[in-house]
mmCIF file of all heavy atoms, coordinates in Angstrom:
data_MODEL
# 
_entry.id   MODEL 
# 
loop_
_atom_site.group_PDB 
_atom_site.id 
_atom_site.type_symbol 
_atom_site.label_atom_id 
_atom_site.label_alt_id 
_atom_site.label_comp_id 
_atom_site.label_asym_id 
_atom_site.label_entity_id 
_atom_site.label_seq_id 
_atom_site.pdbx_PDB_ins_code 
_atom_site.Cartn_x 
_atom_site.Cartn_y 
_atom_site.Cartn_z 
_atom_site.occupancy 
_atom_site.B_iso_or_equiv 
_atom_site.pdbx_formal_charge 
_atom_site.auth_seq_id 
_atom_site.auth_comp_id 
_atom_site.auth_asym_id 
_atom_site.auth_atom_id 
_atom_site.pdbx_PDB_model_num 
ATOM 1   N N   . LYS A 1 1  ? -15.184 6.934  9.050   1.00 0.00 ? 1  LYS A N   1 
ATOM 2   C CA  . LYS A 1 1  ? -14.130 6.916  10.056  1.00 0.00 ? 1  LYS A CA  1 
ATOM 3   C C   . LYS A 1 1  ? -13.266 5.666  9.889   1.00 0.00 ? 1  LYS A C   1 
ATOM 4   O O   . LYS A 1 1  ? -13.769 4.581  9.622   1.00 0.00 ? 1  LYS A O   1 
ATOM 5   C CB  . LYS A 1 1  ? -14.733 6.920  11.470  1.00 0.00 ? 1  LYS A CB  1 
ATOM 6   C CG  . LYS A 1 1  ? -15.377 8.240  11.867  1.00 0.00 ? 1  LYS A CG  1 
ATOM 7   C CD  . LYS A 1 1  ? -14.330 9.337  12.079  1.00 0.00 ? 1  LYS A CD  1 
ATOM 8   C CE  . LYS A 1 1  ? -14.987 10.636 12.552  1.00 0.00 ? 1  LYS A CE  1 
ATOM 9   N NZ  . LYS A 1 1  ? -13.987 11.707 12.733  1.00 0.00 ? 1  LYS A NZ  1 
ATOM 10  N N   . ILE A 1 2  ? -11.964 5.857  10.018  1.00 0.00 ? 2  ILE A N   1 
ATOM 11  C CA  . ILE A 1 2  ? -11.034 4.728  9.974   1.00 0.00 ? 2  ILE A CA  1 
ATOM 12  C C   . ILE A 1 2  ? -9.991  4.946  11.060  1.00 0.00 ? 2  ILE A C   1 
ATOM 13  O O   . ILE A 1 2  ? -9.505  6.068  11.259  1.00 0.00 ? 2  ILE A O   1 
ATOM 14  C CB  . ILE A 1 2  ? -10.379 4.593  8.576   1.00 0.00 ? 2  ILE A CB  1 
ATOM 15  C CG1 . ILE A 1 2  ? -9.437  3.384  8.530   1.00 0.00 ? 2  ILE A CG1 1 
ATOM 16  C CG2 . ILE A 1 2  ? -9.648  5.871  8.169   1.00 0.00 ? 2  ILE A CG2 1 
ATOM 17  C CD1 . ILE A 1 2  ? -8.914  3.065  7.136   1.00 0.00 ? 2  ILE A CD1 1 
ATOM 18  N N   . SER A 1 3  ? -9.661  3.893  11.781  1.00 0.00 ? 3  SER A N   1 
ATOM 19  C CA  . SER A 1 3  ? -8.698  4.021  12.875  1.00 0.00 ? 3  SER A CA  1 
ATOM 20  C C   . SER A 1 3  ? -7.301  4.282  12.325  1.00 0.00 ? 3  SER A C   1 
ATOM 21  O O   . SER A 1 3  ? -7.006  4.007  11.157  1.00 0.00 ? 3  SER A O   1 
ATOM 22  C CB  . SER A 1 3  ? -8.693  2.750  13.720  1.00 0.00 ? 3  SER A CB  1 
ATOM 23  O OG  . SER A 1 3  ? -8.134  1.675  12.998  1.00 0.00 ? 3  SER A OG  1 
ATOM 24  N N   . PHE A 1 4  ? -6.447  4.805  13.176  1.00 0.00 ? 4  PHE A N   1 
ATOM 25  C CA  . PHE A 1 4  ? -5.073  5.130  12.767  1.00 0.00 ? 4  PHE A CA  1 
ATOM 26  C C   . PHE A 1 4  ? -4.352  3.887  12.240  1.00 0.00 ? 4  PHE A C   1 
ATOM 27  O O   . PHE A 1 4  ? -3.766  3.909  11.159  1.00 0.00 ? 4  PHE A O   1 
ATOM 28  C CB  . PHE A 1 4  ? -4.310  5.732  13.956  1.00 0.00 ? 4  PHE A CB  1 
ATOM 29  C CG  . PHE A 1 4  ? -2.952  6.268  13.594  1.00 0.00 ? 4  PHE A CG  1 
ATOM 30  C CD1 . PHE A 1 4  ? -2.771  7.606  13.285  1.00 0.00 ? 4  PHE A CD1 1 
ATOM 31  C CD2 . PHE A 1 4  ? -1.842  5.429  13.560  1.00 0.00 ? 4  PHE A CD2 1 
ATOM 32  C CE1 . PHE A 1 4  ? -1.517  8.093  12.943  1.00 0.00 ? 4  PHE A CE1 1 
ATOM 33  C CE2 . PHE A 1 4  ? -0.589  5.900  13.221  1.00 0.00 ? 4  PHE A CE2 1 
ATOM 34  C CZ  . PHE A 1 4  ? -0.423  7.243  12.912  1.00 0.00 ? 4  PHE A CZ  1 
ATOM 35  N N   . ASP A 1 5  ? -4.394  2.798  13.009  1.00 0.00 ? 5  ASP A N   1 
ATOM 36  C CA  . ASP A 1 5  ? -3.667  1.587  12.612  1.00 0.00 ? 5  ASP A CA  1 
ATOM 37  C C   . ASP A 1 5  ? -4.222  0.989  11.321  1.00 0.00 ? 5  ASP A C   1 
ATOM 38  O O   . ASP A 1 5  ? -3.465  0.497  10.475  1.00 0.00 ? 5  ASP A O   1 
ATOM 39  C CB  . ASP A 1 5  ? -3.703  0.552  13.736  1.00 0.00 ? 5  ASP A CB  1 
ATOM 40  C CG  . ASP A 1 5  ? -2.830  0.960  14.922  1.00 0.00 ? 5  ASP A CG  1 
ATOM 41  O OD1 . ASP A 1 5  ? -1.868  1.732  14.709  1.00 0.00 ? 5  ASP A OD1 1 
ATOM 42  O OD2 . ASP A 1 5  ? -3.115  0.521  16.046  1.00 0.00 ? 5  ASP A OD2 1 
ATOM 43  N N   . SER A 1 6  ? -5.548  1.009  11.166  1.00 0.00 ? 6  SER A N   1 
ATOM 44  C CA  . SER A 1 6  ? -6.153  0.492  9.930   1.00 0.00 ? 6  SER A CA  1 
ATOM 45  C C   . SER A 1 6  ? -5.720  1.330  8.736   1.00 0.00 ? 6  SER A C   1 
ATOM 46  O O   . SER A 1 6  ? -5.461  0.804  7.645   1.00 0.00 ? 6  SER A O   1 
ATOM 47  C CB  . SER A 1 6  ? -7.677  0.489  10.044  1.00 0.00 ? 6  SER A CB  1 
ATOM 48  O OG  . SER A 1 6  ? -8.101  -0.371 11.058  1.00 0.00 ? 6  SER A OG  1 
ATOM 49  N N   . CYS A 1 7  ? -5.650  2.649  8.933   1.00 0.00 ? 7  CYS A N   1 
ATOM 50  C CA  . CYS A 1 7  ? -5.231  3.548  7.862   1.00 0.00 ? 7  CYS A CA  1 
ATOM 51  C C   . CYS A 1 7  ? -3.777  3.292  7.486   1.00 0.00 ? 7  CYS A C   1 
ATOM 52  O O   . CYS A 1 7  ? -3.427  3.261  6.301   1.00 0.00 ? 7  CYS A O   1 
ATOM 53  C CB  . CYS A 1 7  ? -5.422  4.999  8.311   1.00 0.00 ? 7  CYS A CB  1 
ATOM 54  S SG  . CYS A 1 7  ? -5.264  6.206  6.982   1.00 0.00 ? 7  CYS A SG  1 
ATOM 55  N N   . MET A 1 8  ? -2.921  3.092  8.493   1.00 0.00 ? 8  MET A N   1 
ATOM 56  C CA  . MET A 1 8  ? -1.506  2.796  8.225   1.00 0.00 ? 8  MET A CA  1 
ATOM 57  C C   . MET A 1 8  ? -1.361  1.484  7.452   1.00 0.00 ? 8  MET A C   1 
ATOM 58  O O   . MET A 1 8  ? -0.552  1.373  6.536   1.00 0.00 ? 8  MET A O   1 
ATOM 59  C CB  . MET A 1 8  ? -0.718  2.712  9.532   1.00 0.00 ? 8  MET A CB  1 
ATOM 60  C CG  . MET A 1 8  ? -0.572  4.014  10.296  1.00 0.00 ? 8  MET A CG  1 
ATOM 61  S SD  . MET A 1 8  ? 0.276   5.328  9.390   1.00 0.00 ? 8  MET A SD  1 
ATOM 62  C CE  . MET A 1 8  ? -1.128  6.373  8.982   1.00 0.00 ? 8  MET A CE  1 
ATOM 63  N N   . ALA A 1 9  ? -2.166  0.488  7.852   1.00 0.00 ? 9  ALA A N   1 
ATOM 64  C CA  . ALA A 1 9  ? -2.102  -0.811 7.170   1.00 0.00 ? 9  ALA A CA  1 
ATOM 65  C C   . ALA A 1 9  ? -2.532  -0.672 5.710   1.00 0.00 ? 9  ALA A C   1 
ATOM 66  O O   . ALA A 1 9  ? -1.888  -1.214 4.800   1.00 0.00 ? 9  ALA A O   1 
ATOM 67  C CB  . ALA A 1 9  ? -2.981  -1.835 7.890   1.00 0.00 ? 9  ALA A CB  1 
ATOM 68  N N   . GLN A 1 10 ? -3.620  0.057  5.475   1.00 0.00 ? 10 GLN A N   1 
ATOM 69  C CA  . GLN A 1 10 ? -4.079  0.236  4.098   1.00 0.00 ? 10 GLN A CA  1 
ATOM 70  C C   . GLN A 1 10 ? -3.059  1.010  3.275   1.00 0.00 ? 10 GLN A C   1 
ATOM 71  O O   . GLN A 1 10 ? -2.781  0.652  2.123   1.00 0.00 ? 10 GLN A O   1 
ATOM 72  C CB  . GLN A 1 10 ? -5.421  0.961  4.070   1.00 0.00 ? 10 GLN A CB  1 
ATOM 73  C CG  . GLN A 1 10 ? -5.990  1.054  2.654   1.00 0.00 ? 10 GLN A CG  1 
ATOM 74  C CD  . GLN A 1 10 ? -7.303  1.792  2.590   1.00 0.00 ? 10 GLN A CD  1 
ATOM 75  O OE1 . GLN A 1 10 ? -7.431  2.898  3.110   1.00 0.00 ? 10 GLN A OE1 1 
ATOM 76  N NE2 . GLN A 1 10 ? -8.293  1.191  1.948   1.00 0.00 ? 10 GLN A NE2 1 
ATOM 77  N N   . MET A 1 11 ? -2.492  2.076  3.857   1.00 0.00 ? 11 MET A N   1 
ATOM 78  C CA  . MET A 1 11 ? -1.461  2.831  3.158   1.00 0.00 ? 11 MET A CA  1 
ATOM 79  C C   . MET A 1 11 ? -0.292  1.929  2.784   1.00 0.00 ? 11 MET A C   1 
ATOM 80  O O   . MET A 1 11 ? 0.216   1.984  1.655   1.00 0.00 ? 11 MET A O   1 
ATOM 81  C CB  . MET A 1 11 ? -0.952  3.974  4.042   1.00 0.00 ? 11 MET A CB  1 
ATOM 82  C CG  . MET A 1 11 ? 0.159   4.797  3.413   1.00 0.00 ? 11 MET A CG  1 
ATOM 83  S SD  . MET A 1 11 ? 1.097   5.775  4.608   1.00 0.00 ? 11 MET A SD  1 
ATOM 84  C CE  . MET A 1 11 ? 1.957   4.484  5.509   1.00 0.00 ? 11 MET A CE  1 
ATOM 85  N N   . PHE A 1 12 ? 0.122   1.069  3.712   1.00 0.00 ? 12 PHE A N   1 
ATOM 86  C CA  . PHE A 1 12 ? 1.232   0.160  3.445   1.00 0.00 ? 12 PHE A CA  1 
ATOM 87  C C   . PHE A 1 12 ? 0.932   -0.723 2.236   1.00 0.00 ? 12 PHE A C   1 
ATOM 88  O O   . PHE A 1 12 ? 1.749   -0.830 1.311   1.00 0.00 ? 12 PHE A O   1 
ATOM 89  C CB  . PHE A 1 12 ? 1.505   -0.719 4.672   1.00 0.00 ? 12 PHE A CB  1 
ATOM 90  C CG  . PHE A 1 12 ? 2.505   -1.811 4.424   1.00 0.00 ? 12 PHE A CG  1 
ATOM 91  C CD1 . PHE A 1 12 ? 3.864   -1.561 4.550   1.00 0.00 ? 12 PHE A CD1 1 
ATOM 92  C CD2 . PHE A 1 12 ? 2.095   -3.079 4.027   1.00 0.00 ? 12 PHE A CD2 1 
ATOM 93  C CE1 . PHE A 1 12 ? 4.797   -2.564 4.299   1.00 0.00 ? 12 PHE A CE1 1 
ATOM 94  C CE2 . PHE A 1 12 ? 3.014   -4.082 3.765   1.00 0.00 ? 12 PHE A CE2 1 
ATOM 95  C CZ  . PHE A 1 12 ? 4.376   -3.818 3.909   1.00 0.00 ? 12 PHE A CZ  1 
ATOM 96  N N   . PHE A 1 13 ? -0.240  -1.342 2.218   1.00 0.00 ? 13 PHE A N   1 
ATOM 97  C CA  . PHE A 1 13 ? -0.548  -2.291 1.145   1.00 0.00 ? 13 PHE A CA  1 
ATOM 98  C C   . PHE A 1 13 ? -0.758  -1.583 -0.200  1.00 0.00 ? 13 PHE A C   1 
ATOM 99  O O   . PHE A 1 13 ? -0.319  -2.095 -1.243  1.00 0.00 ? 13 PHE A O   1 
ATOM 100 C CB  . PHE A 1 13 ? -1.773  -3.124 1.515   1.00 0.00 ? 13 PHE A CB  1 
ATOM 101 C CG  . PHE A 1 13 ? -1.475  -4.204 2.508   1.00 0.00 ? 13 PHE A CG  1 
ATOM 102 C CD1 . PHE A 1 13 ? -1.968  -4.139 3.806   1.00 0.00 ? 13 PHE A CD1 1 
ATOM 103 C CD2 . PHE A 1 13 ? -0.681  -5.281 2.152   1.00 0.00 ? 13 PHE A CD2 1 
ATOM 104 C CE1 . PHE A 1 13 ? -1.675  -5.128 4.729   1.00 0.00 ? 13 PHE A CE1 1 
ATOM 105 C CE2 . PHE A 1 13 ? -0.383  -6.287 3.067   1.00 0.00 ? 13 PHE A CE2 1 
ATOM 106 C CZ  . PHE A 1 13 ? -0.880  -6.206 4.360   1.00 0.00 ? 13 PHE A CZ  1 
ATOM 107 N N   . ILE A 1 14 ? -1.387  -0.421 -0.204  1.00 0.00 ? 14 ILE A N   1 
ATOM 108 C CA  . ILE A 1 14 ? -1.583  0.301  -1.468  1.00 0.00 ? 14 ILE A CA  1 
ATOM 109 C C   . ILE A 1 14 ? -0.242  0.652  -2.096  1.00 0.00 ? 14 ILE A C   1 
ATOM 110 O O   . ILE A 1 14 ? -0.001  0.401  -3.284  1.00 0.00 ? 14 ILE A O   1 
ATOM 111 C CB  . ILE A 1 14 ? -2.434  1.571  -1.255  1.00 0.00 ? 14 ILE A CB  1 
ATOM 112 C CG1 . ILE A 1 14 ? -3.890  1.202  -0.966  1.00 0.00 ? 14 ILE A CG1 1 
ATOM 113 C CG2 . ILE A 1 14 ? -2.376  2.467  -2.503  1.00 0.00 ? 14 ILE A CG2 1 
ATOM 114 C CD1 . ILE A 1 14 ? -4.775  2.394  -0.639  1.00 0.00 ? 14 ILE A CD1 1 
ATOM 115 N N   . HIS A 1 15 ? 0.669   1.219  -1.294  1.00 0.00 ? 15 HIS A N   1 
ATOM 116 C CA  . HIS A 1 15 ? 1.973   1.609  -1.839  1.00 0.00 ? 15 HIS A CA  1 
ATOM 117 C C   . HIS A 1 15 ? 2.851   0.395  -2.120  1.00 0.00 ? 15 HIS A C   1 
ATOM 118 O O   . HIS A 1 15 ? 3.619   0.395  -3.088  1.00 0.00 ? 15 HIS A O   1 
ATOM 119 C CB  . HIS A 1 15 ? 2.668   2.575  -0.887  1.00 0.00 ? 15 HIS A CB  1 
ATOM 120 C CG  . HIS A 1 15 ? 2.013   3.923  -0.827  1.00 0.00 ? 15 HIS A CG  1 
ATOM 121 N ND1 . HIS A 1 15 ? 1.948   4.765  -1.924  1.00 0.00 ? 15 HIS A ND1 1 
ATOM 122 C CD2 . HIS A 1 15 ? 1.367   4.565  0.167   1.00 0.00 ? 15 HIS A CD2 1 
ATOM 123 C CE1 . HIS A 1 15 ? 1.299   5.867  -1.584  1.00 0.00 ? 15 HIS A CE1 1 
ATOM 124 N NE2 . HIS A 1 15 ? 0.934   5.772  -0.325  1.00 0.00 ? 15 HIS A NE2 1 
ATOM 125 N N   . PHE A 1 16 ? 2.727   -0.648 -1.296  1.00 0.00 ? 16 PHE A N   1 
ATOM 126 C CA  . PHE A 1 16 ? 3.481   -1.882 -1.556  1.00 0.00 ? 16 PHE A CA  1 
ATOM 127 C C   . PHE A 1 16 ? 3.118   -2.450 -2.920  1.00 0.00 ? 16 PHE A C   1 
ATOM 128 O O   . PHE A 1 16 ? 3.996   -2.797 -3.724  1.00 0.00 ? 16 PHE A O   1 
ATOM 129 C CB  . PHE A 1 16 ? 3.191   -2.907 -0.458  1.00 0.00 ? 16 PHE A CB  1 
ATOM 130 C CG  . PHE A 1 16 ? 3.703   -4.284 -0.765  1.00 0.00 ? 16 PHE A CG  1 
ATOM 131 C CD1 . PHE A 1 16 ? 5.044   -4.579 -0.632  1.00 0.00 ? 16 PHE A CD1 1 
ATOM 132 C CD2 . PHE A 1 16 ? 2.844   -5.288 -1.196  1.00 0.00 ? 16 PHE A CD2 1 
ATOM 133 C CE1 . PHE A 1 16 ? 5.534   -5.859 -0.914  1.00 0.00 ? 16 PHE A CE1 1 
ATOM 134 C CE2 . PHE A 1 16 ? 3.305   -6.556 -1.488  1.00 0.00 ? 16 PHE A CE2 1 
ATOM 135 C CZ  . PHE A 1 16 ? 4.663   -6.843 -1.347  1.00 0.00 ? 16 PHE A CZ  1 
ATOM 136 N N   . PHE A 1 17 ? 1.823   -2.557 -3.207  1.00 0.00 ? 17 PHE A N   1 
ATOM 137 C CA  . PHE A 1 17 ? 1.399   -3.111 -4.495  1.00 0.00 ? 17 PHE A CA  1 
ATOM 138 C C   . PHE A 1 17 ? 1.747   -2.177 -5.659  1.00 0.00 ? 17 PHE A C   1 
ATOM 139 O O   . PHE A 1 17 ? 2.032   -2.645 -6.766  1.00 0.00 ? 17 PHE A O   1 
ATOM 140 C CB  . PHE A 1 17 ? -0.099  -3.418 -4.469  1.00 0.00 ? 17 PHE A CB  1 
ATOM 141 C CG  . PHE A 1 17 ? -0.464  -4.601 -3.624  1.00 0.00 ? 17 PHE A CG  1 
ATOM 142 C CD1 . PHE A 1 17 ? -1.367  -4.485 -2.564  1.00 0.00 ? 17 PHE A CD1 1 
ATOM 143 C CD2 . PHE A 1 17 ? 0.091   -5.849 -3.869  1.00 0.00 ? 17 PHE A CD2 1 
ATOM 144 C CE1 . PHE A 1 17 ? -1.704  -5.578 -1.775  1.00 0.00 ? 17 PHE A CE1 1 
ATOM 145 C CE2 . PHE A 1 17 ? -0.233  -6.956 -3.090  1.00 0.00 ? 17 PHE A CE2 1 
ATOM 146 C CZ  . PHE A 1 17 ? -1.132  -6.815 -2.035  1.00 0.00 ? 17 PHE A CZ  1 
ATOM 147 N N   . SER A 1 18 ? 1.730   -0.863 -5.425  1.00 0.00 ? 18 SER A N   1 
ATOM 148 C CA  . SER A 1 18 ? 2.111   0.081  -6.485  1.00 0.00 ? 18 SER A CA  1 
ATOM 149 C C   . SER A 1 18 ? 3.586   -0.069 -6.844  1.00 0.00 ? 18 SER A C   1 
ATOM 150 O O   . SER A 1 18 ? 3.950   -0.127 -8.024  1.00 0.00 ? 18 SER A O   1 
ATOM 151 C CB  . SER A 1 18 ? 1.831   1.522  -6.042  1.00 0.00 ? 18 SER A CB  1 
ATOM 152 O OG  . SER A 1 18 ? 0.451   1.758  -5.921  1.00 0.00 ? 18 SER A OG  1 
ATOM 153 N N   . PHE A 1 19 ? 4.456   -0.140 -5.823  1.00 0.00 ? 19 PHE A N   1 
ATOM 154 C CA  . PHE A 1 19 ? 5.885   -0.313 -6.073  1.00 0.00 ? 19 PHE A CA  1 
ATOM 155 C C   . PHE A 1 19 ? 6.158   -1.674 -6.707  1.00 0.00 ? 19 PHE A C   1 
ATOM 156 O O   . PHE A 1 19 ? 7.016   -1.804 -7.583  1.00 0.00 ? 19 PHE A O   1 
ATOM 157 C CB  . PHE A 1 19 ? 6.685   -0.173 -4.773  1.00 0.00 ? 19 PHE A CB  1 
ATOM 158 C CG  . PHE A 1 19 ? 6.687   1.222  -4.209  1.00 0.00 ? 19 PHE A CG  1 
ATOM 159 C CD1 . PHE A 1 19 ? 6.660   1.437  -2.843  1.00 0.00 ? 19 PHE A CD1 1 
ATOM 160 C CD2 . PHE A 1 19 ? 6.719   2.325  -5.046  1.00 0.00 ? 19 PHE A CD2 1 
ATOM 161 C CE1 . PHE A 1 19 ? 6.665   2.720  -2.315  1.00 0.00 ? 19 PHE A CE1 1 
ATOM 162 C CE2 . PHE A 1 19 ? 6.718   3.621  -4.533  1.00 0.00 ? 19 PHE A CE2 1 
ATOM 163 C CZ  . PHE A 1 19 ? 6.690   3.813  -3.172  1.00 0.00 ? 19 PHE A CZ  1 
ATOM 164 N N   . THR A 1 20 ? 5.420   -2.691 -6.256  1.00 0.00 ? 20 THR A N   1 
ATOM 165 C CA  . THR A 1 20 ? 5.596   -4.032 -6.829  1.00 0.00 ? 20 THR A CA  1 
ATOM 166 C C   . THR A 1 20 ? 5.202   -4.052 -8.296  1.00 0.00 ? 20 THR A C   1 
ATOM 167 O O   . THR A 1 20 ? 5.890   -4.671 -9.119  1.00 0.00 ? 20 THR A O   1 
ATOM 168 C CB  . THR A 1 20 ? 4.757   -5.062 -6.038  1.00 0.00 ? 20 THR A CB  1 
ATOM 169 O OG1 . THR A 1 20 ? 5.157   -5.048 -4.666  1.00 0.00 ? 20 THR A OG1 1 
ATOM 170 C CG2 . THR A 1 20 ? 4.958   -6.465 -6.598  1.00 0.00 ? 20 THR A CG2 1 
ATOM 171 N N   . GLU A 1 21 ? 4.116   -3.363 -8.647  1.00 0.00 ? 21 GLU A N   1 
ATOM 172 C CA  . GLU A 1 21 ? 3.696   -3.320 -10.053 1.00 0.00 ? 21 GLU A CA  1 
ATOM 173 C C   . GLU A 1 21 ? 4.769   -2.685 -10.927 1.00 0.00 ? 21 GLU A C   1 
ATOM 174 O O   . GLU A 1 21 ? 5.057   -3.155 -12.026 1.00 0.00 ? 21 GLU A O   1 
ATOM 175 C CB  . GLU A 1 21 ? 2.381   -2.548 -10.193 1.00 0.00 ? 21 GLU A CB  1 
ATOM 176 C CG  . GLU A 1 21 ? 1.874   -2.464 -11.618 1.00 0.00 ? 21 GLU A CG  1 
ATOM 177 C CD  . GLU A 1 21 ? 0.383   -2.751 -11.737 1.00 0.00 ? 21 GLU A CD  1 
ATOM 178 O OE1 . GLU A 1 21 ? -0.253  -3.110 -10.739 1.00 0.00 ? 21 GLU A OE1 1 
ATOM 179 O OE2 . GLU A 1 21 ? -0.135  -2.632 -12.855 1.00 0.00 ? 21 GLU A OE2 1 
ATOM 180 N N   . SER A 1 22 ? 5.374   -1.613 -10.424 1.00 0.00 ? 22 SER A N   1 
ATOM 181 C CA  . SER A 1 22 ? 6.452   -0.965 -11.166 1.00 0.00 ? 22 SER A CA  1 
ATOM 182 C C   . SER A 1 22 ? 7.608   -1.938 -11.383 1.00 0.00 ? 22 SER A C   1 
ATOM 183 O O   . SER A 1 22 ? 8.169   -2.030 -12.484 1.00 0.00 ? 22 SER A O   1 
ATOM 184 C CB  . SER A 1 22 ? 6.932   0.275  -10.399 1.00 0.00 ? 22 SER A CB  1 
ATOM 185 O OG  . SER A 1 22 ? 7.991   0.911  -11.068 1.00 0.00 ? 22 SER A OG  1 
ATOM 186 N N   . GLY A 1 23 ? 7.966   -2.685 -10.332 1.00 0.00 ? 23 GLY A N   1 
ATOM 187 C CA  . GLY A 1 23 ? 9.050   -3.665 -10.455 1.00 0.00 ? 23 GLY A CA  1 
ATOM 188 C C   . GLY A 1 23 ? 8.711   -4.791 -11.415 1.00 0.00 ? 23 GLY A C   1 
ATOM 189 O O   . GLY A 1 23 ? 9.573   -5.265 -12.172 1.00 0.00 ? 23 GLY A O   1 
ATOM 190 N N   . ILE A 1 24 ? 7.456   -5.249 -11.389 1.00 0.00 ? 24 ILE A N   1 
ATOM 191 C CA  . ILE A 1 24 ? 7.041   -6.320 -12.310 1.00 0.00 ? 24 ILE A CA  1 
ATOM 192 C C   . ILE A 1 24 ? 7.128   -5.844 -13.759 1.00 0.00 ? 24 ILE A C   1 
ATOM 193 O O   . ILE A 1 24 ? 7.591   -6.579 -14.647 1.00 0.00 ? 24 ILE A O   1 
ATOM 194 C CB  . ILE A 1 24 ? 5.611   -6.791 -11.983 1.00 0.00 ? 24 ILE A CB  1 
ATOM 195 C CG1 . ILE A 1 24 ? 5.568   -7.445 -10.600 1.00 0.00 ? 24 ILE A CG1 1 
ATOM 196 C CG2 . ILE A 1 24 ? 5.105   -7.774 -13.036 1.00 0.00 ? 24 ILE A CG2 1 
ATOM 197 C CD1 . ILE A 1 24 ? 4.163   -7.702 -10.076 1.00 0.00 ? 24 ILE A CD1 1 
ATOM 198 N N   . LEU A 1 25 ? 6.688   -4.621 -14.015 1.00 0.00 ? 25 LEU A N   1 
ATOM 199 C CA  . LEU A 1 25 ? 6.781   -4.077 -15.378 1.00 0.00 ? 25 LEU A CA  1 
ATOM 200 C C   . LEU A 1 25 ? 8.229   -3.978 -15.821 1.00 0.00 ? 25 LEU A C   1 
ATOM 201 O O   . LEU A 1 25 ? 8.544   -4.160 -17.006 1.00 0.00 ? 25 LEU A O   1 
ATOM 202 C CB  . LEU A 1 25 ? 6.101   -2.705 -15.441 1.00 0.00 ? 25 LEU A CB  1 
ATOM 203 C CG  . LEU A 1 25 ? 4.575   -2.715 -15.272 1.00 0.00 ? 25 LEU A CG  1 
ATOM 204 C CD1 . LEU A 1 25 ? 4.040   -1.291 -15.171 1.00 0.00 ? 25 LEU A CD1 1 
ATOM 205 C CD2 . LEU A 1 25 ? 3.898   -3.448 -16.436 1.00 0.00 ? 25 LEU A CD2 1 
ATOM 206 N N   . LEU A 1 26 ? 9.139   -3.709 -14.874 1.00 0.00 ? 26 LEU A N   1 
ATOM 207 C CA  . LEU A 1 26 ? 10.567  -3.652 -15.211 1.00 0.00 ? 26 LEU A CA  1 
ATOM 208 C C   . LEU A 1 26 ? 11.091  -5.028 -15.612 1.00 0.00 ? 26 LEU A C   1 
ATOM 209 O O   . LEU A 1 26 ? 11.760  -5.157 -16.648 1.00 0.00 ? 26 LEU A O   1 
ATOM 210 C CB  . LEU A 1 26 ? 11.360  -3.110 -14.020 1.00 0.00 ? 26 LEU A CB  1 
ATOM 211 C CG  . LEU A 1 26 ? 12.885  -3.148 -14.167 1.00 0.00 ? 26 LEU A CG  1 
ATOM 212 C CD1 . LEU A 1 26 ? 13.341  -2.311 -15.361 1.00 0.00 ? 26 LEU A CD1 1 
ATOM 213 C CD2 . LEU A 1 26 ? 13.555  -2.665 -12.877 1.00 0.00 ? 26 LEU A CD2 1 
# 
């Protein structure tokens, strides 16, 4: 079980780091 807010926070950081990695490779 994971709370709604915790899930939103994790989603934010996972996608933030994914987009950042793409930008760094660029």
